[in-house]
């Protein structure tokens, strides 16, 4: 079992930046690949970015590639999502997730956080 708590969401103007954090507790954080998903109103939840257990490999949705960066600090049990050049289309609830492998967490995580709202104004 792992518990995930996101923070760092908020309101930002288009072109601005935000950094989301996800603090994990419970079973060894380094045992999990981690990912960020988002869900906009009226849309399905979608994969945003993922990272392997060691942080050696990352994966991004095409819509955020070059603008968002996922990273993790296993000593702090925390995964981050640095979001730059934000657009109104990035407005969504952002969820942190965990699973055994990057491939499986991207397809269907074992654990979810409660989400944090990101709103980008034009």
PDB file of N, CA and C in Angstrom:
ATOM      1  N   UNK A   1       0.831  -1.194   0.000  1.00  0.00           N
ATOM      2  CA  UNK A   1       0.000   0.000   0.000  1.00  0.00           C
ATOM      3  C   UNK A   1       0.870   1.249   0.000  1.00  0.00           C
ATOM      4  N   UNK A   2       0.429   2.233  -0.749  1.00  0.00           N
ATOM      5  CA  UNK A   2       1.103   3.528  -0.748  1.00  0.00           C
ATOM      6  C   UNK A   2       0.041   4.605  -0.793  1.00  0.00           C
ATOM      7  N   UNK A   3       0.263   5.647  -0.056  1.00  0.00           N
ATOM      8  CA  UNK A   3      -0.650   6.786  -0.052  1.00  0.00           C
ATOM      9  C   UNK A   3       0.040   7.953  -0.770  1.00  0.00           C
ATOM     10  N   UNK A   4      -0.731   8.638  -1.610  1.00  0.00           N
ATOM     11  CA  UNK A   4      -0.186   9.714  -2.431  1.00  0.00           C
ATOM     12  C   UNK A   4      -0.953  11.005  -2.166  1.00  0.00           C
ATOM     13  N   UNK A   5      -0.209  12.092  -1.938  1.00  0.00           N
ATOM     14  CA  UNK A   5      -0.829  13.393  -1.678  1.00  0.00           C
ATOM     15  C   UNK A   5      -0.176  14.439  -2.575  1.00  0.00           C
ATOM     16  N   UNK A   6      -1.008  15.020  -3.468  1.00  0.00           N
ATOM     17  CA  UNK A   6      -0.508  16.043  -4.383  1.00  0.00           C
ATOM     18  C   UNK A   6      -0.614  17.431  -3.767  1.00  0.00           C
ATOM     19  N   UNK A   7       0.240  18.326  -4.249  1.00  0.00           N
ATOM     20  CA  UNK A   7       0.182  19.733  -3.856  1.00  0.00           C
ATOM     21  C   UNK A   7       0.801  20.567  -4.965  1.00  0.00           C
ATOM     22  N   UNK A   8       0.573  21.883  -4.888  1.00  0.00           N
ATOM     23  CA  UNK A   8       1.210  22.786  -5.836  1.00  0.00           C
ATOM     24  C   UNK A   8       0.309  23.323  -6.930  1.00  0.00           C
ATOM     25  N   UNK A   9      -0.919  22.838  -6.984  1.00  0.00           N
ATOM     26  CA  UNK A   9      -1.830  23.356  -8.000  1.00  0.00           C
ATOM     27  C   UNK A   9      -2.236  24.788  -7.700  1.00  0.00           C
ATOM     28  N   UNK A  10      -2.913  25.416  -8.664  1.00  0.00           N
ATOM     29  CA  UNK A  10      -3.364  26.780  -8.468  1.00  0.00           C
ATOM     30  C   UNK A  10      -3.755  27.426  -9.766  1.00  0.00           C
ATOM     31  N   UNK A  11      -3.900  28.743  -9.714  1.00  0.00           N
ATOM     32  CA  UNK A  11      -4.287  29.543 -10.876  1.00  0.00           C
ATOM     33  C   UNK A  11      -3.051  30.262 -11.410  1.00  0.00           C
ATOM     34  N   UNK A  12      -2.842  30.176 -12.713  1.00  0.00           N
ATOM     35  CA  UNK A  12      -1.689  30.809 -13.333  1.00  0.00           C
ATOM     36  C   UNK A  12      -2.096  31.338 -14.698  1.00  0.00           C
ATOM     37  N   UNK A  13      -1.436  32.390 -15.134  1.00  0.00           N
ATOM     38  CA  UNK A  13      -1.715  32.930 -16.460  1.00  0.00           C
ATOM     39  C   UNK A  13      -1.023  32.096 -17.532  1.00  0.00           C
ATOM     40  N   UNK A  14      -1.564  32.120 -18.719  1.00  0.00           N
ATOM     41  CA  UNK A  14      -0.959  31.428 -19.847  1.00  0.00           C
ATOM     42  C   UNK A  14       0.492  31.899 -20.018  1.00  0.00           C
ATOM     43  N   UNK A  15       1.370  30.939 -20.265  1.00  0.00           N
ATOM     44  CA  UNK A  15       2.791  31.226 -20.372  1.00  0.00           C
ATOM     45  C   UNK A  15       3.544  31.069 -19.071  1.00  0.00           C
ATOM     46  N   UNK A  16       2.812  30.938 -17.981  1.00  0.00           N
ATOM     47  CA  UNK A  16       3.425  30.810 -16.670  1.00  0.00           C
ATOM     48  C   UNK A  16       3.853  29.389 -16.360  1.00  0.00           C
ATOM     49  N   UNK A  17       4.319  29.206 -15.122  1.00  0.00           N
ATOM     50  CA  UNK A  17       4.831  27.913 -14.677  1.00  0.00           C
ATOM     51  C   UNK A  17       4.237  27.533 -13.328  1.00  0.00           C
ATOM     52  N   UNK A  18       4.174  26.236 -13.098  1.00  0.00           N
ATOM     53  CA  UNK A  18       3.806  25.675 -11.802  1.00  0.00           C
ATOM     54  C   UNK A  18       4.621  24.409 -11.598  1.00  0.00           C
ATOM     55  N   UNK A  19       4.872  24.068 -10.341  1.00  0.00           N
ATOM     56  CA  UNK A  19       5.489  22.791 -10.027  1.00  0.00           C
ATOM     57  C   UNK A  19       4.587  22.028  -9.077  1.00  0.00           C
ATOM     58  N   UNK A  20       4.155  20.865  -9.527  1.00  0.00           N
ATOM     59  CA  UNK A  20       3.357  19.986  -8.696  1.00  0.00           C
ATOM     60  C   UNK A  20       4.267  19.020  -7.948  1.00  0.00           C
ATOM     61  N   UNK A  21       3.864  18.692  -6.745  1.00  0.00           N
ATOM     62  CA  UNK A  21       4.583  17.707  -5.936  1.00  0.00           C
ATOM     63  C   UNK A  21       3.612  16.608  -5.527  1.00  0.00           C
ATOM     64  N   UNK A  22       4.147  15.418  -5.355  1.00  0.00           N
ATOM     65  CA  UNK A  22       3.350  14.285  -4.868  1.00  0.00           C
ATOM     66  C   UNK A  22       4.181  13.563  -3.819  1.00  0.00           C
ATOM     67  N   UNK A  23       3.725  13.634  -2.586  1.00  0.00           N
ATOM     68  CA  UNK A  23       4.414  12.982  -1.483  1.00  0.00           C
ATOM     69  C   UNK A  23       3.813  11.606  -1.250  1.00  0.00           C
ATOM     70  N   UNK A  24       4.674  10.608  -1.148  1.00  0.00           N
ATOM     71  CA  UNK A  24       4.221   9.229  -0.958  1.00  0.00           C
ATOM     72  C   UNK A  24       4.562   8.742   0.447  1.00  0.00           C
ATOM     73  N   UNK A  25       3.683   7.950   0.992  1.00  0.00           N
ATOM     74  CA  UNK A  25       3.950   7.311   2.283  1.00  0.00           C
ATOM     75  C   UNK A  25       3.484   5.868   2.199  1.00  0.00           C
ATOM     76  N   UNK A  26       3.985   5.061   3.109  1.00  0.00           N
ATOM     77  CA  UNK A  26       3.624   3.647   3.091  1.00  0.00           C
ATOM     78  C   UNK A  26       4.790   2.822   2.605  1.00  0.00           C
ATOM     79  N   UNK A  27       4.521   1.896   1.731  1.00  0.00           N
ATOM     80  CA  UNK A  27       5.556   0.989   1.241  1.00  0.00           C
ATOM     81  C   UNK A  27       6.625   1.748   0.484  1.00  0.00           C
ATOM     82  N   UNK A  28       7.812   1.174   0.352  1.00  0.00           N
ATOM     83  CA  UNK A  28       8.993   1.820  -0.203  1.00  0.00           C
ATOM     84  C   UNK A  28       8.689   2.534  -1.515  1.00  0.00           C
ATOM     85  N   UNK A  29       8.890   3.834  -1.504  1.00  0.00           N
ATOM     86  CA  UNK A  29       8.602   4.673  -2.663  1.00  0.00           C
ATOM     87  C   UNK A  29       9.392   4.218  -3.882  1.00  0.00           C
ATOM     88  N   UNK A  30      10.620   3.820  -3.675  1.00  0.00           N
ATOM     89  CA  UNK A  30      11.476   3.437  -4.802  1.00  0.00           C
ATOM     90  C   UNK A  30      11.044   2.129  -5.456  1.00  0.00           C
ATOM     91  N   UNK A  31      10.050   1.465  -4.889  1.00  0.00           N
ATOM     92  CA  UNK A  31       9.513   0.236  -5.490  1.00  0.00           C
ATOM     93  C   UNK A  31       8.531   0.531  -6.616  1.00  0.00           C
ATOM     94  N   UNK A  32       8.157   1.800  -6.767  1.00  0.00           N
ATOM     95  CA  UNK A  32       7.103   2.155  -7.700  1.00  0.00           C
ATOM     96  C   UNK A  32       7.579   3.048  -8.821  1.00  0.00           C
ATOM     97  N   UNK A  33       7.124   2.750 -10.022  1.00  0.00           N
ATOM     98  CA  UNK A  33       7.135   3.742 -11.082  1.00  0.00           C
ATOM     99  C   UNK A  33       6.017   4.724 -10.782  1.00  0.00           C
ATOM    100  N   UNK A  34       6.209   5.967 -11.215  1.00  0.00           N
ATOM    101  CA  UNK A  34       5.248   7.018 -10.892  1.00  0.00           C
ATOM    102  C   UNK A  34       4.788   7.712 -12.164  1.00  0.00           C
ATOM    103  N   UNK A  35       3.599   8.267 -12.111  1.00  0.00           N
ATOM    104  CA  UNK A  35       3.070   8.970 -13.275  1.00  0.00           C
ATOM    105  C   UNK A  35       2.125  10.073 -12.833  1.00  0.00           C
ATOM    106  N   UNK A  36       1.956  11.028 -13.722  1.00  0.00           N
ATOM    107  CA  UNK A  36       0.953  12.080 -13.573  1.00  0.00           C
ATOM    108  C   UNK A  36      -0.089  11.903 -14.675  1.00  0.00           C
ATOM    109  N   UNK A  37      -1.333  12.016 -14.298  1.00  0.00           N
ATOM    110  CA  UNK A  37      -2.458  12.037 -15.213  1.00  0.00           C
ATOM    111  C   UNK A  37      -3.203  13.353 -14.987  1.00  0.00           C
ATOM    112  N   UNK A  38      -4.090  13.673 -15.918  1.00  0.00           N
ATOM    113  CA  UNK A  38      -4.956  14.835 -15.714  1.00  0.00           C
ATOM    114  C   UNK A  38      -6.329  14.562 -16.301  1.00  0.00           C
ATOM    115  N   UNK A  39      -7.310  15.272 -15.762  1.00  0.00           N
ATOM    116  CA  UNK A  39      -8.672  15.149 -16.255  1.00  0.00           C
ATOM    117  C   UNK A  39      -9.304  16.527 -16.309  1.00  0.00           C
ATOM    118  N   UNK A  40      -9.658  16.930 -17.507  1.00  0.00           N
ATOM    119  CA  UNK A  40     -10.340  18.200 -17.716  1.00  0.00           C
ATOM    120  C   UNK A  40     -11.842  17.972 -17.655  1.00  0.00           C
ATOM    121  N   UNK A  41     -12.631  19.006 -17.373  1.00  0.00           N
ATOM    122  CA  UNK A  41     -14.090  18.837 -17.299  1.00  0.00           C
ATOM    123  C   UNK A  41     -14.652  18.256 -18.582  1.00  0.00           C
ATOM    124  N   UNK A  42     -15.455  17.222 -18.434  1.00  0.00           N
ATOM    125  CA  UNK A  42     -16.101  16.609 -19.578  1.00  0.00           C
ATOM    126  C   UNK A  42     -15.206  15.721 -20.414  1.00  0.00           C
ATOM    127  N   UNK A  43     -13.975  15.501 -19.966  1.00  0.00           N
ATOM    128  CA  UNK A  43     -13.038  14.676 -20.732  1.00  0.00           C
ATOM    129  C   UNK A  43     -12.566  13.501 -19.895  1.00  0.00           C
ATOM    130  N   UNK A  44     -12.026  12.492 -20.578  1.00  0.00           N
ATOM    131  CA  UNK A  44     -11.489  11.338 -19.883  1.00  0.00           C
ATOM    132  C   UNK A  44     -10.127  11.685 -19.278  1.00  0.00           C
ATOM    133  N   UNK A  45      -9.792  10.929 -18.244  1.00  0.00           N
ATOM    134  CA  UNK A  45      -8.478  11.100 -17.629  1.00  0.00           C
ATOM    135  C   UNK A  45      -7.416  10.655 -18.633  1.00  0.00           C
ATOM    136  N   UNK A  46      -6.325  11.424 -18.726  1.00  0.00           N
ATOM    137  CA  UNK A  46      -5.285  11.111 -19.699  1.00  0.00           C
ATOM    138  C   UNK A  46      -3.901  11.120 -19.050  1.00  0.00           C
ATOM    139  N   UNK A  47      -3.029  10.291 -19.584  1.00  0.00           N
ATOM    140  CA  UNK A  47      -1.648  10.221 -19.149  1.00  0.00           C
ATOM    141  C   UNK A  47      -0.926  11.510 -19.525  1.00  0.00           C
ATOM    142  N   UNK A  48      -0.097  12.020 -18.611  1.00  0.00           N
ATOM    143  CA  UNK A  48       0.682  13.221 -18.866  1.00  0.00           C
ATOM    144  C   UNK A  48       2.176  12.890 -18.915  1.00  0.00           C
ATOM    145  N   UNK A  49       2.683  12.238 -17.876  1.00  0.00           N
ATOM    146  CA  UNK A  49       4.109  11.942 -17.800  1.00  0.00           C
ATOM    147  C   UNK A  49       4.334  10.808 -16.826  1.00  0.00           C
ATOM    148  N   UNK A  50       5.410  10.034 -17.062  1.00  0.00           N
ATOM    149  CA  UNK A  50       5.740   8.925 -16.179  1.00  0.00           C
ATOM    150  C   UNK A  50       7.241   8.808 -16.000  1.00  0.00           C
ATOM    151  N   UNK A  51       7.642   8.121 -14.936  1.00  0.00           N
ATOM    152  CA  UNK A  51       9.062   7.967 -14.622  1.00  0.00           C
ATOM    153  C   UNK A  51       9.276   6.606 -13.976  1.00  0.00           C
ATOM    154  N   UNK A  52      10.394   5.972 -14.328  1.00  0.00           N
ATOM    155  CA  UNK A  52      10.708   4.664 -13.773  1.00  0.00           C
ATOM    156  C   UNK A  52      11.134   4.768 -12.308  1.00  0.00           C
ATOM    157  N   UNK A  53      11.290   3.600 -11.683  1.00  0.00           N
ATOM    158  CA  UNK A  53      11.587   3.552 -10.246  1.00  0.00           C
ATOM    159  C   UNK A  53      12.880   4.282  -9.897  1.00  0.00           C
ATOM    160  N   UNK A  54      13.880   4.193 -10.772  1.00  0.00           N
ATOM    161  CA  UNK A  54      15.158   4.840 -10.499  1.00  0.00           C
ATOM    162  C   UNK A  54      15.220   6.267 -11.037  1.00  0.00           C
ATOM    163  N   UNK A  55      14.261   6.630 -11.846  1.00  0.00           N
ATOM    164  CA  UNK A  55      14.275   7.952 -12.478  1.00  0.00           C
ATOM    165  C   UNK A  55      15.073   7.989 -13.761  1.00  0.00           C
ATOM    166  N   UNK A  56      15.551   6.836 -14.214  1.00  0.00           N
ATOM    167  CA  UNK A  56      16.417   6.813 -15.382  1.00  0.00           C
ATOM    168  C   UNK A  56      15.695   6.992 -16.706  1.00  0.00           C
ATOM    169  N   UNK A  57      14.416   6.702 -16.735  1.00  0.00           N
ATOM    170  CA  UNK A  57      13.639   6.813 -17.962  1.00  0.00           C
ATOM    171  C   UNK A  57      12.343   7.563 -17.686  1.00  0.00           C
ATOM    172  N   UNK A  58      12.002   8.469 -18.600  1.00  0.00           N
ATOM    173  CA  UNK A  58      10.757   9.218 -18.502  1.00  0.00           C
ATOM    174  C   UNK A  58       9.970   9.085 -19.789  1.00  0.00           C
ATOM    175  N   UNK A  59       8.698   9.368 -19.693  1.00  0.00           N
ATOM    176  CA  UNK A  59       7.798   9.282 -20.834  1.00  0.00           C
ATOM    177  C   UNK A  59       6.795  10.415 -20.731  1.00  0.00           C
ATOM    178  N   UNK A  60       6.431  11.002 -21.892  1.00  0.00           N
ATOM    179  CA  UNK A  60       5.530  12.151 -21.896  1.00  0.00           C
ATOM    180  C   UNK A  60       4.456  12.006 -22.979  1.00  0.00           C
ATOM    181  N   UNK A  61       3.310  12.570 -22.691  1.00  0.00           N
ATOM    182  CA  UNK A  61       2.306  12.727 -23.730  1.00  0.00           C
ATOM    183  C   UNK A  61       2.807  13.760 -24.734  1.00  0.00           C
ATOM    184  N   UNK A  62       2.434  13.587 -25.989  1.00  0.00           N
ATOM    185  CA  UNK A  62       2.893  14.519 -27.021  1.00  0.00           C
ATOM    186  C   UNK A  62       2.482  15.956 -26.720  1.00  0.00           C
ATOM    187  N   UNK A  63       1.330  16.107 -26.092  1.00  0.00           N
ATOM    188  CA  UNK A  63       0.801  17.447 -25.838  1.00  0.00           C
ATOM    189  C   UNK A  63       1.622  18.244 -24.838  1.00  0.00           C
ATOM    190  N   UNK A  64       2.457  17.587 -24.043  1.00  0.00           N
ATOM    191  CA  UNK A  64       3.241  18.300 -23.022  1.00  0.00           C
ATOM    192  C   UNK A  64       4.738  18.186 -23.244  1.00  0.00           C
ATOM    193  N   UNK A  65       5.136  17.401 -24.233  1.00  0.00           N
ATOM    194  CA  UNK A  65       6.561  17.176 -24.472  1.00  0.00           C
ATOM    195  C   UNK A  65       7.257  18.511 -24.740  1.00  0.00           C
ATOM    196  N   UNK A  66       8.390  18.723 -24.078  1.00  0.00           N
ATOM    197  CA  UNK A  66       9.131  19.963 -24.238  1.00  0.00           C
ATOM    198  C   UNK A  66       8.698  21.070 -23.303  1.00  0.00           C
ATOM    199  N   UNK A  67       7.552  20.901 -22.638  1.00  0.00           N
ATOM    200  CA  UNK A  67       7.056  21.922 -21.718  1.00  0.00           C
ATOM    201  C   UNK A  67       7.034  21.422 -20.266  1.00  0.00           C
ATOM    202  N   UNK A  68       6.757  20.145 -20.078  1.00  0.00           N
ATOM    203  CA  UNK A  68       6.652  19.559 -18.744  1.00  0.00           C
ATOM    204  C   UNK A  68       7.847  18.644 -18.494  1.00  0.00           C
ATOM    205  N   UNK A  69       8.260  18.566 -17.234  1.00  0.00           N
ATOM    206  CA  UNK A  69       9.340  17.676 -16.835  1.00  0.00           C
ATOM    207  C   UNK A  69       8.960  16.941 -15.558  1.00  0.00           C
ATOM    208  N   UNK A  70       9.019  15.610 -15.614  1.00  0.00           N
ATOM    209  CA  UNK A  70       8.768  14.806 -14.424  1.00  0.00           C
ATOM    210  C   UNK A  70      10.106  14.412 -13.810  1.00  0.00           C
ATOM    211  N   UNK A  71      10.158  14.418 -12.490  1.00  0.00           N
ATOM    212  CA  UNK A  71      11.373  14.003 -11.783  1.00  0.00           C
ATOM    213  C   UNK A  71      10.968  13.407 -10.441  1.00  0.00           C
ATOM    214  N   UNK A  72      11.904  12.753  -9.799  1.00  0.00           N
ATOM    215  CA  UNK A  72      11.606  12.164  -8.491  1.00  0.00           C
ATOM    216  C   UNK A  72      12.827  12.262  -7.597  1.00  0.00           C
ATOM    217  N   UNK A  73      12.562  12.296  -6.300  1.00  0.00           N
ATOM    218  CA  UNK A  73      13.606  12.265  -5.285  1.00  0.00           C
ATOM    219  C   UNK A  73      13.262  11.125  -4.345  1.00  0.00           C
ATOM    220  N   UNK A  74      13.908   9.982  -4.519  1.00  0.00           N
ATOM    221  CA  UNK A  74      13.575   8.809  -3.719  1.00  0.00           C
ATOM    222  C   UNK A  74      13.930   8.998  -2.242  1.00  0.00           C
ATOM    223  N   UNK A  75      14.884   9.868  -1.955  1.00  0.00           N
ATOM    224  CA  UNK A  75      15.230  10.140  -0.554  1.00  0.00           C
ATOM    225  C   UNK A  75      14.115  10.914   0.148  1.00  0.00           C
ATOM    226  N   UNK A  76      13.349  11.678  -0.615  1.00  0.00           N
ATOM    227  CA  UNK A  76      12.250  12.472  -0.049  1.00  0.00           C
ATOM    228  C   UNK A  76      10.882  11.863  -0.333  1.00  0.00           C
ATOM    229  N   UNK A  77      10.864  10.688  -0.982  1.00  0.00           N
ATOM    230  CA  UNK A  77       9.585  10.023  -1.301  1.00  0.00           C
ATOM    231  C   UNK A  77       8.640  10.954  -2.062  1.00  0.00           C
ATOM    232  N   UNK A  78       9.183  11.673  -3.025  1.00  0.00           N
ATOM    233  CA  UNK A  78       8.402  12.688  -3.720  1.00  0.00           C
ATOM    234  C   UNK A  78       8.666  12.638  -5.219  1.00  0.00           C
ATOM    235  N   UNK A  79       7.597  12.824  -5.982  1.00  0.00           N
ATOM    236  CA  UNK A  79       7.699  12.972  -7.426  1.00  0.00           C
ATOM    237  C   UNK A  79       7.181  14.359  -7.777  1.00  0.00           C
ATOM    238  N   UNK A  80       7.774  14.962  -8.792  1.00  0.00           N
ATOM    239  CA  UNK A  80       7.457  16.330  -9.179  1.00  0.00           C
ATOM    240  C   UNK A  80       7.008  16.392 -10.634  1.00  0.00           C
ATOM    241  N   UNK A  81       6.258  17.424 -10.943  1.00  0.00           N
ATOM    242  CA  UNK A  81       5.927  17.743 -12.327  1.00  0.00           C
ATOM    243  C   UNK A  81       6.137  19.247 -12.507  1.00  0.00           C
ATOM    244  N   UNK A  82       7.206  19.593 -13.196  1.00  0.00           N
ATOM    245  CA  UNK A  82       7.475  20.990 -13.519  1.00  0.00           C
ATOM    246  C   UNK A  82       6.757  21.321 -14.820  1.00  0.00           C
ATOM    247  N   UNK A  83       5.881  22.310 -14.765  1.00  0.00           N
ATOM    248  CA  UNK A  83       5.064  22.659 -15.923  1.00  0.00           C
ATOM    249  C   UNK A  83       5.396  24.083 -16.348  1.00  0.00           C
ATOM    250  N   UNK A  84       5.934  24.211 -17.538  1.00  0.00           N
ATOM    251  CA  UNK A  84       6.308  25.524 -18.092  1.00  0.00           C
ATOM    252  C   UNK A  84       5.468  25.827 -19.318  1.00  0.00           C
ATOM    253  N   UNK A  85       5.450  27.083 -19.711  1.00  0.00           N
ATOM    254  CA  UNK A  85       4.714  27.521 -20.904  1.00  0.00           C
ATOM    255  C   UNK A  85       3.286  27.001 -20.879  1.00  0.00           C
ATOM    256  N   UNK A  86       2.645  27.172 -19.766  1.00  0.00           N
ATOM    257  CA  UNK A  86       1.293  26.631 -19.596  1.00  0.00           C
ATOM    258  C   UNK A  86       0.305  27.292 -20.531  1.00  0.00           C
ATOM    259  N   UNK A  87      -0.677  26.486 -20.963  1.00  0.00           N
ATOM    260  CA  UNK A  87      -1.719  26.926 -21.885  1.00  0.00           C
ATOM    261  C   UNK A  87      -3.077  26.714 -21.230  1.00  0.00           C
ATOM    262  N   UNK A  88      -4.093  27.442 -21.676  1.00  0.00           N
ATOM    263  CA  UNK A  88      -5.432  27.201 -21.117  1.00  0.00           C
ATOM    264  C   UNK A  88      -5.876  25.749 -21.268  1.00  0.00           C
ATOM    265  N   UNK A  89      -5.425  25.079 -22.314  1.00  0.00           N
ATOM    266  CA  UNK A  89      -5.766  23.677 -22.518  1.00  0.00           C
ATOM    267  C   UNK A  89      -5.149  22.737 -21.492  1.00  0.00           C
ATOM    268  N   UNK A  90      -4.214  23.238 -20.691  1.00  0.00           N
ATOM    269  CA  UNK A  90      -3.644  22.417 -19.625  1.00  0.00           C
ATOM    270  C   UNK A  90      -4.507  22.424 -18.361  1.00  0.00           C
ATOM    271  N   UNK A  91      -5.567  23.231 -18.361  1.00  0.00           N
ATOM    272  CA  UNK A  91      -6.454  23.294 -17.202  1.00  0.00           C
ATOM    273  C   UNK A  91      -7.096  21.933 -16.947  1.00  0.00           C
ATOM    274  N   UNK A  92      -6.927  21.421 -15.741  1.00  0.00           N
ATOM    275  CA  UNK A  92      -7.428  20.100 -15.386  1.00  0.00           C
ATOM    276  C   UNK A  92      -7.134  19.832 -13.916  1.00  0.00           C
ATOM    277  N   UNK A  93      -7.707  18.746 -13.425  1.00  0.00           N
ATOM    278  CA  UNK A  93      -7.272  18.191 -12.148  1.00  0.00           C
ATOM    279  C   UNK A  93      -6.131  17.225 -12.453  1.00  0.00           C
ATOM    280  N   UNK A  94      -5.011  17.408 -11.761  1.00  0.00           N
ATOM    281  CA  UNK A  94      -3.833  16.585 -11.984  1.00  0.00           C
ATOM    282  C   UNK A  94      -3.710  15.556 -10.869  1.00  0.00           C
ATOM    283  N   UNK A  95      -3.518  14.300 -11.273  1.00  0.00           N
ATOM    284  CA  UNK A  95      -3.450  13.186 -10.342  1.00  0.00           C
ATOM    285  C   UNK A  95      -2.083  12.522 -10.390  1.00  0.00           C
ATOM    286  N   UNK A  96      -1.567  12.215  -9.233  1.00  0.00           N
ATOM    287  CA  UNK A  96      -0.361  11.425  -9.092  1.00  0.00           C
ATOM    288  C   UNK A  96      -0.753   9.955  -9.008  1.00  0.00           C
ATOM    289  N   UNK A  97       0.071   9.064  -9.558  1.00  0.00           N
ATOM    290  CA  UNK A  97      -0.263   7.645  -9.528  1.00  0.00           C
ATOM    291  C   UNK A  97       1.004   6.813  -9.390  1.00  0.00           C
ATOM    292  N   UNK A  98       0.820   5.561  -8.981  1.00  0.00           N
ATOM    293  CA  UNK A  98       1.947   4.661  -8.746  1.00  0.00           C
ATOM    294  C   UNK A  98       1.614   3.261  -9.217  1.00  0.00           C
ATOM    295  N   UNK A  99       2.640   2.552  -9.680  1.00  0.00           N
ATOM    296  CA  UNK A  99       2.488   1.169 -10.102  1.00  0.00           C
ATOM    297  C   UNK A  99       3.844   0.518 -10.195  1.00  0.00           C
ATOM    298  N   UNK A 100       3.904  -0.777 -10.447  1.00  0.00           N
ATOM    299  CA  UNK A 100       5.179  -1.486 -10.406  1.00  0.00           C
ATOM    300  C   UNK A 100       6.143  -1.113 -11.529  1.00  0.00           C
ATOM    301  N   UNK A 101       5.615  -0.863 -12.724  1.00  0.00           N
ATOM    302  CA  UNK A 101       6.465  -0.557 -13.874  1.00  0.00           C
ATOM    303  C   UNK A 101       5.902   0.646 -14.617  1.00  0.00           C
ATOM    304  N   UNK A 102       6.761   1.343 -15.356  1.00  0.00           N
ATOM    305  CA  UNK A 102       6.293   2.493 -16.121  1.00  0.00           C
ATOM    306  C   UNK A 102       5.229   2.073 -17.131  1.00  0.00           C
ATOM    307  N   UNK A 103       5.408   0.921 -17.764  1.00  0.00           N
ATOM    308  CA  UNK A 103       4.443   0.464 -18.764  1.00  0.00           C
ATOM    309  C   UNK A 103       3.082   0.193 -18.141  1.00  0.00           C
ATOM    310  N   UNK A 104       3.076  -0.377 -16.940  1.00  0.00           N
ATOM    311  CA  UNK A 104       1.798  -0.702 -16.294  1.00  0.00           C
ATOM    312  C   UNK A 104       1.169   0.519 -15.649  1.00  0.00           C
ATOM    313  N   UNK A 105       1.991   1.405 -15.095  1.00  0.00           N
ATOM    314  CA  UNK A 105       1.396   2.587 -14.470  1.00  0.00           C
ATOM    315  C   UNK A 105       0.795   3.494 -15.531  1.00  0.00           C
ATOM    316  N   UNK A 106       1.363   3.500 -16.722  1.00  0.00           N
ATOM    317  CA  UNK A 106       0.796   4.286 -17.799  1.00  0.00           C
ATOM    318  C   UNK A 106      -0.547   3.704 -18.246  1.00  0.00           C
ATOM    319  N   UNK A 107      -0.680   2.399 -18.228  1.00  0.00           N
ATOM    320  CA  UNK A 107      -1.913   1.760 -18.675  1.00  0.00           C
ATOM    321  C   UNK A 107      -2.977   1.725 -17.584  1.00  0.00           C
ATOM    322  N   UNK A 108      -2.547   1.573 -16.358  1.00  0.00           N
ATOM    323  CA  UNK A 108      -3.532   1.464 -15.284  1.00  0.00           C
ATOM    324  C   UNK A 108      -2.851   1.386 -13.942  1.00  0.00           C
ATOM    325  N   UNK A 109      -2.697   2.525 -13.263  1.00  0.00           N
ATOM    326  CA  UNK A 109      -1.968   2.525 -11.988  1.00  0.00           C
ATOM    327  C   UNK A 109      -2.662   1.711 -10.903  1.00  0.00           C
ATOM    328  N   UNK A 110      -1.869   1.325  -9.921  1.00  0.00           N
ATOM    329  CA  UNK A 110      -2.419   0.637  -8.766  1.00  0.00           C
ATOM    330  C   UNK A 110      -2.954   1.619  -7.730  1.00  0.00           C
ATOM    331  N   UNK A 111      -2.346   2.796  -7.661  1.00  0.00           N
ATOM    332  CA  UNK A 111      -2.690   3.772  -6.629  1.00  0.00           C
ATOM    333  C   UNK A 111      -2.840   5.156  -7.249  1.00  0.00           C
ATOM    334  N   UNK A 112      -3.762   5.925  -6.652  1.00  0.00           N
ATOM    335  CA  UNK A 112      -4.036   7.292  -7.098  1.00  0.00           C
ATOM    336  C   UNK A 112      -4.009   8.242  -5.911  1.00  0.00           C
ATOM    337  N   UNK A 113      -3.595   9.482  -6.175  1.00  0.00           N
ATOM    338  CA  UNK A 113      -3.787  10.548  -5.212  1.00  0.00           C
ATOM    339  C   UNK A 113      -5.171  11.157  -5.378  1.00  0.00           C
ATOM    340  N   UNK A 114      -5.450  12.184  -4.596  1.00  0.00           N
ATOM    341  CA  UNK A 114      -6.783  12.787  -4.611  1.00  0.00           C
ATOM    342  C   UNK A 114      -6.910  13.872  -5.671  1.00  0.00           C
ATOM    343  N   UNK A 115      -5.793  14.314  -6.223  1.00  0.00           N
ATOM    344  CA  UNK A 115      -5.806  15.305  -7.285  1.00  0.00           C
ATOM    345  C   UNK A 115      -5.588  16.721  -6.790  1.00  0.00           C
ATOM    346  N   UNK A 116      -5.060  17.550  -7.681  1.00  0.00           N
ATOM    347  CA  UNK A 116      -4.872  18.970  -7.400  1.00  0.00           C
ATOM    348  C   UNK A 116      -5.264  19.763  -8.644  1.00  0.00           C
ATOM    349  N   UNK A 117      -6.002  20.849  -8.440  1.00  0.00           N
ATOM    350  CA  UNK A 117      -6.542  21.614  -9.556  1.00  0.00           C
ATOM    351  C   UNK A 117      -5.494  22.567 -10.117  1.00  0.00           C
ATOM    352  N   UNK A 118      -5.353  22.553 -11.430  1.00  0.00           N
ATOM    353  CA  UNK A 118      -4.516  23.523 -12.140  1.00  0.00           C
ATOM    354  C   UNK A 118      -5.415  24.283 -13.113  1.00  0.00           C
ATOM    355  N   UNK A 119      -5.424  25.588 -12.996  1.00  0.00           N
ATOM    356  CA  UNK A 119      -6.236  26.425 -13.872  1.00  0.00           C
ATOM    357  C   UNK A 119      -5.327  27.445 -14.553  1.00  0.00           C
ATOM    358  N   UNK A 120      -5.378  27.447 -15.890  1.00  0.00           N
ATOM    359  CA  UNK A 120      -4.559  28.366 -16.669  1.00  0.00           C
ATOM    360  C   UNK A 120      -5.479  29.369 -17.358  1.00  0.00           C
ATOM    361  N   UNK A 121      -5.326  30.620 -17.035  1.00  0.00           N
ATOM    362  CA  UNK A 121      -6.170  31.664 -17.622  1.00  0.00           C
ATOM    363  C   UNK A 121      -5.500  32.258 -18.862  1.00  0.00           C
ATOM    364  N   UNK A 122      -6.354  32.688 -19.797  1.00  0.00           N
ATOM    365  CA  UNK A 122      -5.818  33.240 -21.057  1.00  0.00           C
ATOM    366  C   UNK A 122      -5.596  34.740 -20.954  1.00  0.00           C
TER     367      UNK A 122
END
